[in-house]
Amino acid sequence: MNDTSGFYKLDGDLLYAPNYVLNANYELYRELHETYTYPTDGWYWFDTEAEAREFFGLPPIEEL
């Protein structure tokens, strides 16, 4: 099973950043994810992609 934990943002498509998000106004790092207030510019932390998809109202990914 793959580790799909990380930062997610719905911006047309579901964006995924497993380790960090860098922006001119903020930086989000995996090792500090529990210290942030969400949402941060639309970014959230989820432990799995399935949790992120459910939160954003997206259908689950079908596994082959």
Protein backbone atom coordinates (compact mmCIF):
# COMPACT_ATOMS: atom_id res chain seq x y z
CA MET A 1 0.00 0.00 0.00
CA ASN A 2 1.34 3.40 -0.97
CA ASP A 3 1.62 6.26 1.52
CA THR A 4 -0.70 8.96 0.19
CA SER A 5 -0.53 11.26 3.21
CA GLY A 6 0.25 14.87 2.45
CA PHE A 7 -1.15 18.24 1.56
CA TYR A 8 -4.15 18.40 -0.77
CA LYS A 9 -5.91 21.28 -2.48
CA LEU A 10 -8.85 21.30 -4.87
CA ASP A 11 -8.08 23.81 -7.62
CA GLY A 12 -9.94 22.47 -10.63
CA ASP A 13 -8.02 19.22 -10.15
CA LEU A 14 -6.98 17.63 -6.89
CA LEU A 15 -3.46 18.87 -6.18
CA TYR A 16 -1.14 16.78 -4.02
CA ALA A 17 2.10 17.70 -2.28
CA PRO A 18 3.52 14.81 -0.24
CA ASN A 19 6.34 16.70 1.47
CA TYR A 20 5.95 20.48 1.23
CA VAL A 21 4.17 23.44 -0.34
CA LEU A 22 6.20 26.57 -1.03
CA ASN A 23 4.57 29.92 -1.76
CA ALA A 24 5.75 33.53 -1.58
CA ASN A 25 3.45 34.02 1.44
CA TYR A 26 3.77 30.72 3.32
CA GLU A 27 5.56 27.38 3.52
CA LEU A 28 4.02 24.08 4.60
CA TYR A 29 6.25 21.16 5.57
CA ARG A 30 5.27 17.55 6.19
CA GLU A 31 7.11 17.30 9.48
CA LEU A 32 5.21 20.33 10.83
CA HIS A 33 1.75 19.51 9.43
CA GLU A 34 0.20 19.22 12.91
CA THR A 35 1.19 22.81 13.75
CA TYR A 36 -0.69 24.56 10.92
CA THR A 37 -4.18 26.03 10.85
CA TYR A 38 -6.17 24.74 7.90
CA PRO A 39 -7.11 25.64 5.33
CA THR A 40 -3.97 27.49 4.32
CA ASP A 41 -4.72 29.02 0.92
CA GLY A 42 -6.94 26.02 0.23
CA TRP A 43 -4.38 23.42 1.34
CA TYR A 44 -5.30 20.76 3.91
CA TRP A 45 -3.43 17.80 5.39
CA PHE A 46 -4.93 14.33 4.95
CA ASP A 47 -3.56 10.95 6.01
CA THR A 48 -4.81 9.34 2.79
CA GLU A 49 -5.92 10.37 -0.68
CA ALA A 50 -9.24 8.66 0.01
CA GLU A 51 -9.85 11.04 2.96
CA ALA A 52 -9.03 14.02 0.76
CA ARG A 53 -11.31 12.86 -2.04
CA GLU A 54 -14.18 12.31 0.40
CA PHE A 55 -13.64 15.73 2.02
CA PHE A 56 -13.70 17.51 -1.36
CA GLY A 57 -16.69 15.50 -2.59
CA LEU A 58 -14.75 13.69 -5.29
CA PRO A 59 -15.40 10.10 -6.36
CA PRO A 60 -12.98 7.48 -5.10
CA ILE A 61 -10.23 6.27 -7.41
CA GLU A 62 -10.94 2.83 -8.77
CA GLU A 63 -8.09 0.44 -8.10
CA LEU A 64 -7.07 -1.96 -10.85
